[in-house]
Amino acid sequence: MSEFPTLRQTVLDCTDARALAEFHRALLGYRYRPGDEAPDPGEPDPQGNDWLVLRHPDGAAALAFQQVDALPEAIWPDGTVPQMLHLDLTVPTTRELDRQHDRGLGLGARQLLDRSDDREEPLRVYADPAGHPFCLFVAEPPT
């Protein structure tokens, strides 16, 4: 038994859990937890109206999405609604940063800041379709 708790997943509140889960699934290459997959078109989606979990390809839980009735969109970098948290995503090269930039925009992200020409830490900040900010930057893979 560990003396520390284990971080299970990060949960994002959203007003359309299925749409936000689909965005992050496509962006990150994650898979649904068994039972959370999208139903066939026209079929009811009780899970999508409540709680969805995405897992990393290795099976580890990563992100969950909790349906809420209303959620004010964060105003970044300064505004009356703080972001509360954000996701940091990394890629190994500026070429990959540019490729993922195009993918993210194609999936529905909005760019909030472009610092991709920064020599020390090329970085872009986006909002996902629900307005949650996330960063995409160049960094060495974790060891």
N, C-alpha and C. Protein backbone atom coordinates (compact mmCIF):
# COMPACT_ATOMS: atom_id res chain seq x y z
N MET A 1 0.84 -1.18 0.00
CA MET A 1 0.00 0.00 0.00
C MET A 1 0.89 1.24 0.00
N SER A 2 0.55 2.19 -0.87
CA SER A 2 1.31 3.42 -0.97
C SER A 2 0.90 4.40 0.12
N GLU A 3 1.83 5.24 0.52
CA GLU A 3 1.48 6.25 1.51
C GLU A 3 0.83 7.47 0.87
N PHE A 4 0.75 7.48 -0.47
CA PHE A 4 0.18 8.61 -1.19
C PHE A 4 -1.03 8.17 -2.01
N PRO A 5 -2.00 9.06 -2.21
CA PRO A 5 -3.10 8.74 -3.10
C PRO A 5 -2.61 8.67 -4.55
N THR A 6 -3.38 8.03 -5.38
CA THR A 6 -3.07 7.91 -6.80
C THR A 6 -4.01 8.81 -7.59
N LEU A 7 -3.47 9.64 -8.47
CA LEU A 7 -4.30 10.46 -9.33
C LEU A 7 -4.96 9.54 -10.37
N ARG A 8 -6.25 9.49 -10.37
CA ARG A 8 -7.00 8.59 -11.26
C ARG A 8 -7.19 9.21 -12.64
N GLN A 9 -7.68 10.45 -12.66
CA GLN A 9 -7.96 11.11 -13.92
C GLN A 9 -8.23 12.58 -13.65
N THR A 10 -8.25 13.37 -14.68
CA THR A 10 -8.65 14.76 -14.62
C THR A 10 -10.05 14.84 -15.20
N VAL A 11 -10.95 15.51 -14.50
CA VAL A 11 -12.35 15.60 -14.92
C VAL A 11 -12.64 17.02 -15.38
N LEU A 12 -13.24 17.12 -16.56
CA LEU A 12 -13.64 18.41 -17.10
C LEU A 12 -15.16 18.51 -17.07
N ASP A 13 -15.70 19.54 -16.44
CA ASP A 13 -17.13 19.81 -16.52
C ASP A 13 -17.42 20.37 -17.91
N CYS A 14 -18.60 20.06 -18.44
CA CYS A 14 -18.97 20.55 -19.77
C CYS A 14 -20.48 20.41 -19.97
N THR A 15 -21.00 21.18 -20.89
CA THR A 15 -22.44 21.12 -21.17
C THR A 15 -22.77 20.13 -22.28
N ASP A 16 -21.77 19.56 -22.92
CA ASP A 16 -21.97 18.50 -23.93
C ASP A 16 -20.83 17.50 -23.78
N ALA A 17 -21.00 16.57 -22.85
CA ALA A 17 -19.93 15.62 -22.54
C ALA A 17 -19.50 14.81 -23.75
N ARG A 18 -20.43 14.36 -24.56
CA ARG A 18 -20.06 13.54 -25.72
C ARG A 18 -19.21 14.35 -26.70
N ALA A 19 -19.63 15.56 -27.00
CA ALA A 19 -18.88 16.38 -27.97
C ALA A 19 -17.47 16.68 -27.46
N LEU A 20 -17.34 17.03 -26.18
CA LEU A 20 -16.02 17.35 -25.65
C LEU A 20 -15.15 16.10 -25.56
N ALA A 21 -15.74 14.97 -25.17
CA ALA A 21 -14.97 13.72 -25.14
C ALA A 21 -14.51 13.35 -26.55
N GLU A 22 -15.34 13.54 -27.54
CA GLU A 22 -14.95 13.24 -28.92
C GLU A 22 -13.80 14.12 -29.37
N PHE A 23 -13.84 15.40 -29.01
CA PHE A 23 -12.75 16.31 -29.36
C PHE A 23 -11.43 15.81 -28.78
N HIS A 24 -11.42 15.53 -27.49
CA HIS A 24 -10.18 15.10 -26.83
C HIS A 24 -9.76 13.69 -27.27
N ARG A 25 -10.72 12.83 -27.56
CA ARG A 25 -10.39 11.49 -28.07
C ARG A 25 -9.64 11.61 -29.40
N ALA A 26 -10.17 12.44 -30.29
CA ALA A 26 -9.53 12.61 -31.59
C ALA A 26 -8.19 13.34 -31.48
N LEU A 27 -8.12 14.35 -30.62
CA LEU A 27 -6.89 15.12 -30.47
C LEU A 27 -5.76 14.28 -29.89
N LEU A 28 -6.07 13.47 -28.87
CA LEU A 28 -5.03 12.77 -28.11
C LEU A 28 -4.87 11.29 -28.48
N GLY A 29 -5.77 10.76 -29.31
CA GLY A 29 -5.67 9.35 -29.67
C GLY A 29 -6.09 8.42 -28.55
N TYR A 30 -6.91 8.91 -27.63
CA TYR A 30 -7.39 8.09 -26.52
C TYR A 30 -8.56 7.22 -26.96
N ARG A 31 -8.96 6.29 -26.09
CA ARG A 31 -10.09 5.40 -26.34
C ARG A 31 -11.08 5.52 -25.19
N TYR A 32 -12.33 5.24 -25.51
CA TYR A 32 -13.33 5.23 -24.44
C TYR A 32 -13.14 4.05 -23.52
N ARG A 33 -13.47 4.25 -22.26
CA ARG A 33 -13.58 3.15 -21.32
C ARG A 33 -14.71 2.25 -21.84
N PRO A 34 -14.57 0.93 -21.73
CA PRO A 34 -15.64 0.05 -22.20
C PRO A 34 -16.99 0.46 -21.62
N GLY A 35 -17.97 0.59 -22.49
CA GLY A 35 -19.31 1.01 -22.11
C GLY A 35 -19.57 2.48 -22.35
N ASP A 36 -18.52 3.28 -22.57
CA ASP A 36 -18.69 4.71 -22.80
C ASP A 36 -18.65 5.09 -24.28
N GLU A 37 -18.45 4.12 -25.16
CA GLU A 37 -18.37 4.41 -26.59
C GLU A 37 -19.65 5.11 -27.06
N ALA A 38 -19.53 5.87 -28.13
CA ALA A 38 -20.69 6.57 -28.70
C ALA A 38 -21.68 5.54 -29.25
N PRO A 39 -22.97 5.77 -29.03
CA PRO A 39 -23.97 4.84 -29.58
C PRO A 39 -24.11 5.04 -31.09
N ASP A 40 -24.79 4.13 -31.72
CA ASP A 40 -25.08 4.28 -33.14
C ASP A 40 -25.93 5.54 -33.35
N PRO A 41 -25.81 6.17 -34.53
CA PRO A 41 -26.60 7.38 -34.79
C PRO A 41 -28.09 7.13 -34.55
N GLY A 42 -28.73 8.08 -33.88
CA GLY A 42 -30.15 7.99 -33.60
C GLY A 42 -30.50 7.22 -32.33
N GLU A 43 -29.52 6.54 -31.74
CA GLU A 43 -29.76 5.79 -30.51
C GLU A 43 -29.57 6.71 -29.31
N PRO A 44 -30.24 6.41 -28.19
CA PRO A 44 -30.04 7.22 -26.98
C PRO A 44 -28.60 7.14 -26.49
N ASP A 45 -28.18 8.19 -25.79
CA ASP A 45 -26.81 8.27 -25.29
C ASP A 45 -26.82 8.62 -23.81
N PRO A 46 -27.30 7.69 -22.94
CA PRO A 46 -27.37 8.02 -21.51
C PRO A 46 -26.01 8.33 -20.91
N GLN A 47 -24.96 7.63 -21.31
CA GLN A 47 -23.62 7.92 -20.78
C GLN A 47 -23.17 9.31 -21.18
N GLY A 48 -23.44 9.69 -22.44
CA GLY A 48 -23.04 11.00 -22.93
C GLY A 48 -23.77 12.15 -22.28
N ASN A 49 -24.86 11.84 -21.60
CA ASN A 49 -25.61 12.87 -20.88
C ASN A 49 -25.24 12.89 -19.40
N ASP A 50 -24.18 12.20 -19.04
CA ASP A 50 -23.81 12.11 -17.63
C ASP A 50 -22.30 12.17 -17.44
N TRP A 51 -21.60 11.08 -17.76
CA TRP A 51 -20.19 10.92 -17.39
C TRP A 51 -19.51 10.02 -18.40
N LEU A 52 -18.39 10.46 -18.95
CA LEU A 52 -17.62 9.67 -19.91
C LEU A 52 -16.16 9.65 -19.49
N VAL A 53 -15.49 8.53 -19.75
CA VAL A 53 -14.07 8.40 -19.41
C VAL A 53 -13.30 8.00 -20.66
N LEU A 54 -12.18 8.69 -20.87
CA LEU A 54 -11.24 8.32 -21.92
C LEU A 54 -10.01 7.72 -21.27
N ARG A 55 -9.44 6.73 -21.94
CA ARG A 55 -8.22 6.09 -21.46
C ARG A 55 -7.11 6.25 -22.47
N HIS A 56 -5.91 6.32 -21.95
CA HIS A 56 -4.71 6.32 -22.75
C HIS A 56 -4.65 4.98 -23.48
N PRO A 57 -4.01 4.89 -24.64
CA PRO A 57 -3.91 3.60 -25.34
C PRO A 57 -3.33 2.46 -24.50
N ASP A 58 -2.54 2.79 -23.46
CA ASP A 58 -2.01 1.73 -22.60
C ASP A 58 -3.03 1.24 -21.58
N GLY A 59 -4.24 1.84 -21.59
CA GLY A 59 -5.31 1.42 -20.69
C GLY A 59 -5.48 2.28 -19.46
N ALA A 60 -4.52 3.13 -19.17
CA ALA A 60 -4.62 3.98 -17.98
C ALA A 60 -5.70 5.04 -18.18
N ALA A 61 -6.48 5.29 -17.14
CA ALA A 61 -7.48 6.35 -17.20
C ALA A 61 -6.76 7.69 -17.34
N ALA A 62 -7.38 8.61 -18.06
CA ALA A 62 -6.72 9.88 -18.30
C ALA A 62 -7.64 11.07 -18.10
N LEU A 63 -8.74 11.12 -18.85
CA LEU A 63 -9.65 12.26 -18.79
C LEU A 63 -11.07 11.75 -18.63
N ALA A 64 -11.86 12.50 -17.86
CA ALA A 64 -13.28 12.21 -17.75
C ALA A 64 -14.05 13.50 -18.01
N PHE A 65 -15.30 13.34 -18.40
CA PHE A 65 -16.14 14.47 -18.79
C PHE A 65 -17.46 14.34 -18.05
N GLN A 66 -17.79 15.38 -17.29
CA GLN A 66 -18.99 15.37 -16.47
C GLN A 66 -19.97 16.39 -17.02
N GLN A 67 -21.15 15.93 -17.36
CA GLN A 67 -22.21 16.78 -17.89
C GLN A 67 -22.73 17.71 -16.80
N VAL A 68 -22.82 19.00 -17.09
CA VAL A 68 -23.43 19.98 -16.19
C VAL A 68 -24.42 20.81 -16.99
N ASP A 69 -25.36 21.45 -16.30
CA ASP A 69 -26.38 22.23 -16.99
C ASP A 69 -25.84 23.50 -17.62
N ALA A 70 -24.93 24.16 -16.92
CA ALA A 70 -24.38 25.43 -17.42
C ALA A 70 -22.94 25.56 -16.96
N LEU A 71 -22.15 26.23 -17.76
CA LEU A 71 -20.74 26.41 -17.42
C LEU A 71 -20.24 27.67 -18.12
N PRO A 72 -19.83 28.67 -17.36
CA PRO A 72 -19.30 29.86 -18.01
C PRO A 72 -17.93 29.54 -18.64
N GLU A 73 -17.70 30.02 -19.84
CA GLU A 73 -16.43 29.79 -20.51
C GLU A 73 -15.35 30.64 -19.87
N ALA A 74 -14.19 30.02 -19.63
CA ALA A 74 -13.06 30.76 -19.07
C ALA A 74 -12.64 31.87 -20.02
N ILE A 75 -12.27 32.99 -19.46
CA ILE A 75 -11.77 34.12 -20.26
C ILE A 75 -10.28 34.19 -20.00
N TRP A 76 -9.51 33.84 -21.00
CA TRP A 76 -8.06 33.74 -20.86
C TRP A 76 -7.38 34.75 -21.76
N PRO A 77 -6.32 35.40 -21.35
CA PRO A 77 -5.55 35.20 -20.13
C PRO A 77 -6.06 35.99 -18.95
N ASP A 78 -6.86 37.02 -19.19
CA ASP A 78 -7.39 37.74 -18.04
C ASP A 78 -8.86 38.04 -18.31
N GLY A 79 -9.62 37.93 -17.28
CA GLY A 79 -11.04 38.18 -17.42
C GLY A 79 -11.77 37.87 -16.14
N THR A 80 -13.05 37.95 -16.20
CA THR A 80 -13.85 37.76 -15.00
C THR A 80 -14.08 36.30 -14.67
N VAL A 81 -13.83 35.40 -15.62
CA VAL A 81 -14.01 33.97 -15.37
C VAL A 81 -12.65 33.29 -15.49
N PRO A 82 -12.05 32.84 -14.35
CA PRO A 82 -10.73 32.21 -14.42
C PRO A 82 -10.81 30.81 -15.00
N GLN A 83 -9.67 30.32 -15.48
CA GLN A 83 -9.65 29.01 -16.11
C GLN A 83 -9.68 27.85 -15.12
N MET A 84 -9.33 28.04 -13.89
CA MET A 84 -9.32 27.03 -12.83
C MET A 84 -8.29 25.94 -13.04
N LEU A 85 -8.14 25.41 -14.22
CA LEU A 85 -7.09 24.45 -14.55
C LEU A 85 -6.93 24.45 -16.06
N HIS A 86 -5.82 23.90 -16.51
CA HIS A 86 -5.66 23.70 -17.95
C HIS A 86 -4.77 22.49 -18.16
N LEU A 87 -4.82 21.94 -19.35
CA LEU A 87 -4.00 20.79 -19.71
C LEU A 87 -2.75 21.27 -20.43
N ASP A 88 -1.60 20.69 -20.11
CA ASP A 88 -0.35 20.93 -20.82
C ASP A 88 -0.07 19.71 -21.69
N LEU A 89 0.00 19.92 -22.99
CA LEU A 89 0.30 18.86 -23.95
C LEU A 89 1.62 19.20 -24.61
N THR A 90 2.47 18.20 -24.83
CA THR A 90 3.78 18.46 -25.43
C THR A 90 3.99 17.64 -26.69
N VAL A 91 4.85 18.16 -27.54
CA VAL A 91 5.33 17.49 -28.74
C VAL A 91 6.84 17.66 -28.77
N PRO A 92 7.56 16.79 -29.51
CA PRO A 92 9.02 16.86 -29.46
C PRO A 92 9.67 17.91 -30.37
N THR A 93 8.96 18.41 -31.40
CA THR A 93 9.59 19.33 -32.36
C THR A 93 8.62 20.44 -32.76
N THR A 94 9.18 21.52 -33.31
CA THR A 94 8.33 22.60 -33.81
C THR A 94 7.55 22.14 -35.04
N ARG A 95 8.12 21.25 -35.82
CA ARG A 95 7.38 20.70 -36.97
C ARG A 95 6.11 19.98 -36.49
N GLU A 96 6.25 19.20 -35.41
CA GLU A 96 5.09 18.50 -34.85
C GLU A 96 4.12 19.49 -34.20
N LEU A 97 4.65 20.56 -33.62
CA LEU A 97 3.79 21.61 -33.07
C LEU A 97 2.89 22.18 -34.17
N ASP A 98 3.47 22.45 -35.33
CA ASP A 98 2.69 22.97 -36.45
C ASP A 98 1.67 21.95 -36.95
N ARG A 99 2.06 20.69 -37.00
CA ARG A 99 1.13 19.64 -37.46
C ARG A 99 -0.05 19.51 -36.49
N GLN A 100 0.26 19.50 -35.20
CA GLN A 100 -0.81 19.37 -34.21
C GLN A 100 -1.67 20.64 -34.13
N HIS A 101 -1.09 21.77 -34.44
CA HIS A 101 -1.85 23.03 -34.53
C HIS A 101 -2.96 22.87 -35.57
N ASP A 102 -2.59 22.41 -36.76
CA ASP A 102 -3.58 22.24 -37.83
C ASP A 102 -4.63 21.20 -37.44
N ARG A 103 -4.20 20.10 -36.83
CA ARG A 103 -5.14 19.07 -36.39
C ARG A 103 -6.12 19.63 -35.37
N GLY A 104 -5.58 20.32 -34.36
CA GLY A 104 -6.43 20.87 -33.30
C GLY A 104 -7.47 21.84 -33.84
N LEU A 105 -7.05 22.73 -34.72
CA LEU A 105 -8.01 23.67 -35.31
C LEU A 105 -9.06 22.93 -36.12
N GLY A 106 -8.64 21.91 -36.83
CA GLY A 106 -9.58 21.11 -37.62
C GLY A 106 -10.59 20.37 -36.76
N LEU A 107 -10.21 20.06 -35.54
CA LEU A 107 -11.10 19.36 -34.61
C LEU A 107 -12.02 20.31 -33.85
N GLY A 108 -11.76 21.61 -33.94
CA GLY A 108 -12.63 22.58 -33.27
C GLY A 108 -11.97 23.42 -32.20
N ALA A 109 -10.66 23.30 -32.02
CA ALA A 109 -9.97 24.16 -31.05
C ALA A 109 -9.91 25.59 -31.59
N ARG A 110 -9.80 26.55 -30.67
CA ARG A 110 -9.58 27.95 -31.04
C ARG A 110 -8.24 28.37 -30.47
N GLN A 111 -7.42 29.00 -31.29
CA GLN A 111 -6.13 29.47 -30.80
C GLN A 111 -6.33 30.75 -30.01
N LEU A 112 -5.70 30.80 -28.82
CA LEU A 112 -5.77 31.98 -27.96
C LEU A 112 -4.46 32.75 -27.93
N LEU A 113 -3.34 32.05 -28.15
CA LEU A 113 -2.02 32.68 -28.08
C LEU A 113 -1.07 31.89 -28.97
N ASP A 114 -0.25 32.60 -29.73
CA ASP A 114 0.76 31.95 -30.56
C ASP A 114 2.13 32.47 -30.16
N ARG A 115 2.90 31.62 -29.50
CA ARG A 115 4.29 31.92 -29.15
C ARG A 115 5.18 30.84 -29.75
N SER A 116 4.78 30.37 -30.94
CA SER A 116 5.50 29.26 -31.58
C SER A 116 6.89 29.66 -32.05
N ASP A 117 7.17 30.96 -32.12
CA ASP A 117 8.50 31.40 -32.54
C ASP A 117 9.46 31.61 -31.36
N ASP A 118 9.02 31.32 -30.15
CA ASP A 118 9.87 31.43 -28.97
C ASP A 118 10.96 30.36 -29.04
N ARG A 119 12.22 30.76 -29.02
CA ARG A 119 13.33 29.81 -29.18
C ARG A 119 13.48 28.86 -28.00
N GLU A 120 13.15 29.32 -26.80
CA GLU A 120 13.33 28.49 -25.62
C GLU A 120 12.15 27.54 -25.37
N GLU A 121 10.94 28.00 -25.66
CA GLU A 121 9.77 27.16 -25.44
C GLU A 121 8.67 27.53 -26.45
N PRO A 122 8.76 26.97 -27.66
CA PRO A 122 7.69 27.22 -28.63
C PRO A 122 6.36 26.74 -28.04
N LEU A 123 5.34 27.60 -28.09
CA LEU A 123 4.11 27.35 -27.35
C LEU A 123 2.92 27.97 -28.09
N ARG A 124 1.80 27.26 -28.02
CA ARG A 124 0.51 27.83 -28.43
C ARG A 124 -0.51 27.48 -27.36
N VAL A 125 -1.44 28.39 -27.14
CA VAL A 125 -2.52 28.17 -26.20
C VAL A 125 -3.82 28.15 -26.99
N TYR A 126 -4.69 27.20 -26.64
CA TYR A 126 -5.97 27.02 -27.34
C TYR A 126 -7.09 26.94 -26.32
N ALA A 127 -8.31 27.01 -26.82
CA ALA A 127 -9.51 26.66 -26.06
C ALA A 127 -10.13 25.47 -26.78
N ASP A 128 -10.55 24.47 -26.00
CA ASP A 128 -11.26 23.35 -26.61
C ASP A 128 -12.68 23.82 -26.94
N PRO A 129 -13.51 22.99 -27.57
CA PRO A 129 -14.85 23.45 -27.95
C PRO A 129 -15.72 23.93 -26.79
N ALA A 130 -15.44 23.48 -25.57
CA ALA A 130 -16.21 23.96 -24.41
C ALA A 130 -15.58 25.20 -23.78
N GLY A 131 -14.42 25.64 -24.28
CA GLY A 131 -13.76 26.83 -23.77
C GLY A 131 -12.67 26.57 -22.76
N HIS A 132 -12.36 25.29 -22.45
CA HIS A 132 -11.27 25.00 -21.51
C HIS A 132 -9.94 25.29 -22.20
N PRO A 133 -9.10 26.14 -21.61
CA PRO A 133 -7.79 26.39 -22.20
C PRO A 133 -6.87 25.16 -22.09
N PHE A 134 -6.01 24.99 -23.09
CA PHE A 134 -4.94 24.00 -23.02
C PHE A 134 -3.74 24.51 -23.79
N CYS A 135 -2.56 24.10 -23.34
CA CYS A 135 -1.30 24.52 -23.95
C CYS A 135 -0.73 23.37 -24.76
N LEU A 136 -0.10 23.70 -25.85
CA LEU A 136 0.63 22.74 -26.66
C LEU A 136 2.00 23.36 -26.88
N PHE A 137 3.04 22.65 -26.40
CA PHE A 137 4.38 23.23 -26.51
C PHE A 137 5.43 22.15 -26.77
N VAL A 138 6.59 22.61 -27.21
CA VAL A 138 7.70 21.73 -27.53
C VAL A 138 8.50 21.46 -26.26
N ALA A 139 8.69 20.19 -25.95
CA ALA A 139 9.48 19.80 -24.77
C ALA A 139 10.00 18.40 -24.98
N GLU A 140 11.09 18.11 -24.32
CA GLU A 140 11.64 16.76 -24.34
C GLU A 140 10.63 15.80 -23.70
N PRO A 141 10.55 14.57 -24.18
CA PRO A 141 9.66 13.62 -23.53
C PRO A 141 10.06 13.42 -22.08
N PRO A 142 9.08 13.18 -21.19
CA PRO A 142 9.42 12.97 -19.77
C PRO A 142 10.24 11.70 -19.59
N THR A 143 11.08 11.73 -18.60
CA THR A 143 11.92 10.54 -18.35
C THR A 143 11.45 9.81 -17.12
